[in-house]
């Protein structure tokens, strides 16, 4: 007679994580940061920042008229990386309108520099 392992197998936690899961939990143990970007609150704040900055890149002066992934599409950038800090994430004075091109090159280069 064969006994089934039943619930014993189901209780084992997976050892492997996807790169996204590892990245998402690096700064926020409950991985809420990704959810913040998808929220209606973020979308409203994002629009407020873009309007305040007149849809103009605050680093290059380029008008942000493109649609993603165009180089002149608008991105709202955190001046000081929030790294999961909710206060920094939602602080409007920490946000600025930039072009996708600037954000994907200069901003990312700055964030990768060792402290």
N, C-alpha and C. Protein backbone atom coordinates (compact mmCIF):
# COMPACT_ATOMS: atom_id res chain seq x y z
N UNK A 1 0.83 -1.16 0.00
CA UNK A 1 0.00 0.00 0.00
C UNK A 1 0.89 1.25 0.00
N UNK A 2 0.50 2.25 -0.81
CA UNK A 2 1.28 3.48 -0.93
C UNK A 2 0.62 4.58 -0.11
N UNK A 3 1.42 5.24 0.70
CA UNK A 3 0.91 6.37 1.47
C UNK A 3 1.19 7.66 0.68
N UNK A 4 0.26 8.56 0.69
CA UNK A 4 0.48 9.82 -0.01
C UNK A 4 1.15 10.81 0.93
N UNK A 5 1.93 11.71 0.35
CA UNK A 5 2.61 12.71 1.15
C UNK A 5 1.69 13.89 1.46
N UNK A 6 0.65 14.02 0.66
CA UNK A 6 -0.39 15.01 0.93
C UNK A 6 0.13 16.38 1.33
N UNK A 7 -0.23 16.81 2.53
CA UNK A 7 0.07 18.16 3.00
C UNK A 7 1.55 18.40 3.27
N UNK A 8 2.33 17.36 3.43
CA UNK A 8 3.75 17.57 3.73
C UNK A 8 4.47 18.29 2.59
N UNK A 9 4.13 17.99 1.37
CA UNK A 9 4.76 18.64 0.23
C UNK A 9 4.28 20.08 0.11
N UNK A 10 3.02 20.30 0.34
CA UNK A 10 2.44 21.64 0.20
C UNK A 10 2.98 22.66 1.19
N UNK A 11 3.56 22.22 2.31
CA UNK A 11 4.03 23.17 3.31
C UNK A 11 5.45 23.65 3.08
N UNK A 12 6.18 23.01 2.18
CA UNK A 12 7.56 23.44 1.91
C UNK A 12 7.55 24.76 1.16
N UNK A 13 8.38 25.69 1.63
CA UNK A 13 8.48 26.99 0.98
C UNK A 13 9.45 26.89 -0.20
N UNK A 14 9.15 27.57 -1.30
CA UNK A 14 10.08 27.53 -2.43
C UNK A 14 11.40 28.20 -2.06
N UNK A 15 12.49 27.65 -2.54
CA UNK A 15 13.80 28.20 -2.23
C UNK A 15 14.23 29.25 -3.24
N UNK A 16 13.71 29.16 -4.44
CA UNK A 16 14.10 30.07 -5.49
C UNK A 16 13.13 31.23 -5.60
N UNK A 17 13.64 32.38 -5.90
CA UNK A 17 12.82 33.56 -6.13
C UNK A 17 13.14 34.10 -7.50
N UNK A 18 12.17 34.75 -8.11
CA UNK A 18 12.45 35.39 -9.39
C UNK A 18 13.25 36.66 -9.11
N UNK A 19 14.01 37.15 -10.09
CA UNK A 19 14.75 38.40 -9.87
C UNK A 19 13.85 39.55 -9.44
N UNK A 20 12.63 39.61 -9.98
CA UNK A 20 11.70 40.68 -9.60
C UNK A 20 11.32 40.57 -8.14
N UNK A 21 11.06 39.34 -7.65
CA UNK A 21 10.70 39.16 -6.25
C UNK A 21 11.85 39.58 -5.34
N UNK A 22 13.07 39.24 -5.74
CA UNK A 22 14.23 39.62 -4.95
C UNK A 22 14.36 41.13 -4.94
N UNK A 23 14.23 41.78 -6.10
CA UNK A 23 14.33 43.24 -6.19
C UNK A 23 13.23 43.91 -5.38
N UNK A 24 12.01 43.42 -5.48
CA UNK A 24 10.88 44.06 -4.82
C UNK A 24 10.99 44.00 -3.31
N UNK A 25 11.60 42.96 -2.78
CA UNK A 25 11.68 42.83 -1.34
C UNK A 25 12.99 43.38 -0.78
N UNK A 26 13.90 43.82 -1.64
CA UNK A 26 15.17 44.36 -1.16
C UNK A 26 14.94 45.58 -0.28
N UNK A 27 14.06 46.48 -0.69
CA UNK A 27 13.82 47.70 0.06
C UNK A 27 12.55 47.64 0.91
N UNK A 28 11.63 46.81 0.52
CA UNK A 28 10.35 46.77 1.21
C UNK A 28 9.96 45.32 1.46
N UNK A 29 10.08 44.84 2.68
CA UNK A 29 9.80 43.44 2.96
C UNK A 29 8.43 42.97 2.50
N UNK A 30 7.44 43.85 2.51
CA UNK A 30 6.12 43.42 2.08
C UNK A 30 5.85 43.77 0.62
N UNK A 31 6.88 44.20 -0.10
CA UNK A 31 6.79 44.48 -1.53
C UNK A 31 5.67 45.44 -1.89
N UNK A 32 5.41 46.41 -1.04
CA UNK A 32 4.33 47.36 -1.31
C UNK A 32 4.74 48.46 -2.28
N UNK A 33 6.03 48.68 -2.44
CA UNK A 33 6.50 49.78 -3.29
C UNK A 33 5.94 49.65 -4.70
N UNK A 34 5.97 48.47 -5.26
CA UNK A 34 5.43 48.28 -6.62
C UNK A 34 3.96 48.66 -6.67
N UNK A 35 3.23 48.36 -5.63
CA UNK A 35 1.82 48.71 -5.57
C UNK A 35 1.60 50.21 -5.51
N UNK A 36 2.52 50.94 -4.88
CA UNK A 36 2.39 52.39 -4.81
C UNK A 36 2.37 53.00 -6.20
N UNK A 37 3.24 52.50 -7.08
CA UNK A 37 3.31 53.03 -8.45
C UNK A 37 2.04 52.74 -9.25
N UNK A 38 1.30 51.73 -8.86
CA UNK A 38 0.08 51.37 -9.59
C UNK A 38 -1.17 52.01 -8.99
N UNK A 39 -1.01 52.75 -7.91
CA UNK A 39 -2.17 53.29 -7.21
C UNK A 39 -2.72 54.55 -7.86
N UNK A 40 -3.99 54.80 -7.59
CA UNK A 40 -4.64 56.03 -8.06
C UNK A 40 -3.98 57.24 -7.40
N UNK A 41 -3.55 57.08 -6.16
CA UNK A 41 -2.88 58.17 -5.45
C UNK A 41 -1.61 58.59 -6.20
N UNK A 42 -0.81 57.61 -6.65
CA UNK A 42 0.42 57.93 -7.40
C UNK A 42 0.06 58.59 -8.73
N UNK A 43 -0.92 58.08 -9.43
CA UNK A 43 -1.30 58.65 -10.72
C UNK A 43 -1.71 60.12 -10.56
N UNK A 44 -2.46 60.44 -9.51
CA UNK A 44 -2.87 61.83 -9.25
C UNK A 44 -1.67 62.70 -8.91
N UNK A 45 -0.78 62.20 -8.06
CA UNK A 45 0.42 62.94 -7.69
C UNK A 45 1.32 63.15 -8.90
N UNK A 46 1.46 62.13 -9.71
CA UNK A 46 2.26 62.20 -10.93
C UNK A 46 1.74 63.31 -11.84
N UNK A 47 0.44 63.36 -12.06
CA UNK A 47 -0.16 64.39 -12.90
C UNK A 47 0.06 65.79 -12.31
N UNK A 48 -0.02 65.88 -11.00
CA UNK A 48 0.21 67.16 -10.32
C UNK A 48 1.65 67.65 -10.54
N UNK A 49 2.60 66.74 -10.45
CA UNK A 49 4.02 67.10 -10.65
C UNK A 49 4.26 67.51 -12.10
N UNK A 50 3.71 66.76 -13.05
CA UNK A 50 3.89 67.09 -14.46
C UNK A 50 3.31 68.47 -14.78
N UNK A 51 2.13 68.77 -14.23
CA UNK A 51 1.50 70.08 -14.45
C UNK A 51 2.33 71.18 -13.79
N UNK A 52 2.79 70.95 -12.56
CA UNK A 52 3.61 71.94 -11.85
C UNK A 52 4.87 72.28 -12.65
N UNK A 53 5.48 71.23 -13.25
CA UNK A 53 6.73 71.41 -13.99
C UNK A 53 6.48 71.73 -15.48
N UNK A 54 5.22 71.99 -15.82
CA UNK A 54 4.83 72.39 -17.18
C UNK A 54 5.28 71.39 -18.25
N UNK A 55 5.21 70.11 -17.91
CA UNK A 55 5.58 69.05 -18.84
C UNK A 55 6.93 69.34 -19.51
N UNK A 56 7.88 69.79 -18.69
CA UNK A 56 9.22 70.12 -19.17
C UNK A 56 10.24 69.39 -18.32
N UNK A 57 11.22 68.74 -18.98
CA UNK A 57 12.29 68.04 -18.25
C UNK A 57 13.06 69.07 -17.43
N UNK A 58 13.18 68.81 -16.15
CA UNK A 58 13.84 69.73 -15.24
C UNK A 58 15.37 69.70 -15.36
N UNK A 59 15.90 68.81 -16.21
CA UNK A 59 17.35 68.72 -16.38
C UNK A 59 17.80 69.14 -17.78
N UNK A 60 16.94 68.93 -18.77
CA UNK A 60 17.35 69.23 -20.15
C UNK A 60 16.51 70.31 -20.80
N UNK A 61 15.35 70.62 -20.23
CA UNK A 61 14.46 71.62 -20.82
C UNK A 61 13.60 71.10 -21.96
N UNK A 62 13.69 69.82 -22.26
CA UNK A 62 12.92 69.20 -23.33
C UNK A 62 11.44 69.16 -22.94
N UNK A 63 10.56 69.49 -23.89
CA UNK A 63 9.12 69.34 -23.65
C UNK A 63 8.76 67.87 -23.64
N UNK A 64 7.99 67.46 -22.67
CA UNK A 64 7.64 66.05 -22.48
C UNK A 64 6.33 65.76 -23.20
N UNK A 65 6.42 65.58 -24.53
CA UNK A 65 5.24 65.40 -25.36
C UNK A 65 5.09 63.99 -25.89
N UNK A 66 6.08 63.15 -25.70
CA UNK A 66 6.05 61.80 -26.26
C UNK A 66 5.22 60.84 -25.44
N UNK A 67 4.96 59.70 -26.06
CA UNK A 67 4.26 58.61 -25.39
C UNK A 67 5.28 57.49 -25.17
N UNK A 68 5.29 56.93 -23.96
CA UNK A 68 6.27 55.88 -23.64
C UNK A 68 6.23 54.79 -24.71
N UNK A 69 7.37 54.33 -25.12
CA UNK A 69 8.72 54.53 -24.60
C UNK A 69 9.54 55.59 -25.35
N UNK A 70 8.92 56.61 -25.90
CA UNK A 70 9.65 57.66 -26.63
C UNK A 70 10.62 58.37 -25.68
N UNK A 71 11.77 58.82 -26.20
CA UNK A 71 12.76 59.51 -25.36
C UNK A 71 12.21 60.77 -24.68
N UNK A 72 11.22 61.43 -25.32
CA UNK A 72 10.66 62.65 -24.73
C UNK A 72 9.36 62.40 -23.97
N UNK A 73 9.13 61.15 -23.58
CA UNK A 73 7.94 60.86 -22.77
C UNK A 73 8.21 61.24 -21.32
N UNK A 74 7.17 61.64 -20.59
CA UNK A 74 7.35 62.12 -19.22
C UNK A 74 7.55 61.01 -18.20
N UNK A 75 8.48 61.26 -17.29
CA UNK A 75 8.74 60.37 -16.16
C UNK A 75 8.79 61.25 -14.92
N UNK A 76 8.18 60.82 -13.84
CA UNK A 76 8.29 61.56 -12.58
C UNK A 76 9.37 60.85 -11.77
N UNK A 77 10.41 61.61 -11.48
CA UNK A 77 11.63 61.09 -10.86
C UNK A 77 11.74 61.52 -9.41
N UNK A 78 12.19 60.59 -8.55
CA UNK A 78 12.49 60.93 -7.15
C UNK A 78 13.90 61.50 -7.10
N UNK A 79 14.03 62.74 -6.67
CA UNK A 79 15.35 63.38 -6.59
C UNK A 79 16.26 62.62 -5.62
N UNK A 80 15.72 62.31 -4.45
CA UNK A 80 16.43 61.48 -3.48
C UNK A 80 15.78 60.11 -3.56
N UNK A 81 16.53 59.06 -3.92
CA UNK A 81 15.92 57.73 -4.03
C UNK A 81 15.21 57.34 -2.73
N UNK A 82 13.98 56.88 -2.87
CA UNK A 82 13.17 56.57 -1.68
C UNK A 82 13.55 55.27 -1.02
N UNK A 83 14.04 54.30 -1.76
CA UNK A 83 14.47 53.00 -1.23
C UNK A 83 13.45 52.40 -0.25
N UNK A 84 12.18 52.56 -0.58
CA UNK A 84 11.13 51.98 0.25
C UNK A 84 10.63 52.88 1.35
N UNK A 85 11.21 54.07 1.51
CA UNK A 85 10.77 55.01 2.54
C UNK A 85 9.51 55.71 2.06
N UNK A 86 8.40 55.41 2.69
CA UNK A 86 7.10 55.93 2.26
C UNK A 86 7.05 57.46 2.29
N UNK A 87 7.68 58.06 3.29
CA UNK A 87 7.69 59.52 3.41
C UNK A 87 8.37 60.14 2.19
N UNK A 88 9.53 59.62 1.78
CA UNK A 88 10.23 60.14 0.61
C UNK A 88 9.46 59.85 -0.68
N UNK A 89 8.83 58.69 -0.74
CA UNK A 89 8.10 58.31 -1.94
C UNK A 89 6.99 59.31 -2.27
N UNK A 90 6.22 59.71 -1.28
CA UNK A 90 5.05 60.57 -1.51
C UNK A 90 5.34 62.06 -1.38
N UNK A 91 6.56 62.44 -1.04
CA UNK A 91 6.91 63.85 -0.85
C UNK A 91 7.01 64.57 -2.19
N UNK A 92 6.07 65.47 -2.45
CA UNK A 92 6.03 66.17 -3.74
C UNK A 92 7.29 66.99 -3.98
N UNK A 93 7.90 67.51 -2.94
CA UNK A 93 9.12 68.29 -3.12
C UNK A 93 10.31 67.41 -3.51
N UNK A 94 10.15 66.10 -3.39
CA UNK A 94 11.19 65.15 -3.80
C UNK A 94 10.96 64.64 -5.22
N UNK A 95 9.95 65.17 -5.90
CA UNK A 95 9.60 64.70 -7.24
C UNK A 95 9.84 65.78 -8.28
N UNK A 96 10.22 65.34 -9.48
CA UNK A 96 10.42 66.27 -10.58
C UNK A 96 10.10 65.57 -11.90
N UNK A 97 9.66 66.36 -12.88
CA UNK A 97 9.37 65.84 -14.21
C UNK A 97 10.68 65.78 -14.99
N UNK A 98 10.93 64.64 -15.61
CA UNK A 98 12.12 64.47 -16.45
C UNK A 98 11.73 63.66 -17.69
N UNK A 99 12.60 63.70 -18.68
CA UNK A 99 12.35 62.90 -19.88
C UNK A 99 12.77 61.46 -19.62
N UNK A 100 12.14 60.54 -20.33
CA UNK A 100 12.51 59.13 -20.21
C UNK A 100 13.98 58.95 -20.58
N UNK A 101 14.42 59.66 -21.60
CA UNK A 101 15.82 59.56 -22.02
C UNK A 101 16.77 59.95 -20.89
N UNK A 102 16.51 61.08 -20.23
CA UNK A 102 17.36 61.51 -19.12
C UNK A 102 17.28 60.52 -17.98
N UNK A 103 16.07 60.11 -17.64
CA UNK A 103 15.86 59.19 -16.51
C UNK A 103 16.57 57.86 -16.73
N UNK A 104 16.48 57.33 -17.95
CA UNK A 104 17.07 56.01 -18.22
C UNK A 104 18.58 56.05 -18.40
N UNK A 105 19.16 57.24 -18.52
CA UNK A 105 20.61 57.30 -18.66
C UNK A 105 21.24 57.97 -17.44
N UNK A 106 21.08 59.28 -17.32
CA UNK A 106 21.75 60.03 -16.25
C UNK A 106 21.28 59.64 -14.86
N UNK A 107 19.99 59.57 -14.65
CA UNK A 107 19.46 59.25 -13.31
C UNK A 107 19.91 57.87 -12.87
N UNK A 108 19.85 56.91 -13.77
CA UNK A 108 20.24 55.55 -13.42
C UNK A 108 21.74 55.47 -13.15
N UNK A 109 22.54 56.21 -13.90
CA UNK A 109 23.99 56.24 -13.67
C UNK A 109 24.28 56.79 -12.28
N UNK A 110 23.60 57.85 -11.89
CA UNK A 110 23.79 58.43 -10.56
C UNK A 110 23.42 57.45 -9.46
N UNK A 111 22.31 56.73 -9.65
CA UNK A 111 21.87 55.79 -8.61
C UNK A 111 22.81 54.59 -8.47
N UNK A 112 23.53 54.26 -9.54
CA UNK A 112 24.44 53.12 -9.50
C UNK A 112 25.79 53.46 -8.87
N UNK A 113 26.09 54.76 -8.73
CA UNK A 113 27.38 55.15 -8.15
C UNK A 113 27.46 54.67 -6.71
N UNK A 114 28.64 54.16 -6.32
CA UNK A 114 28.80 53.76 -4.91
C UNK A 114 28.75 54.98 -4.01
N UNK A 115 28.20 54.82 -2.82
CA UNK A 115 28.06 55.96 -1.91
C UNK A 115 29.36 56.30 -1.24
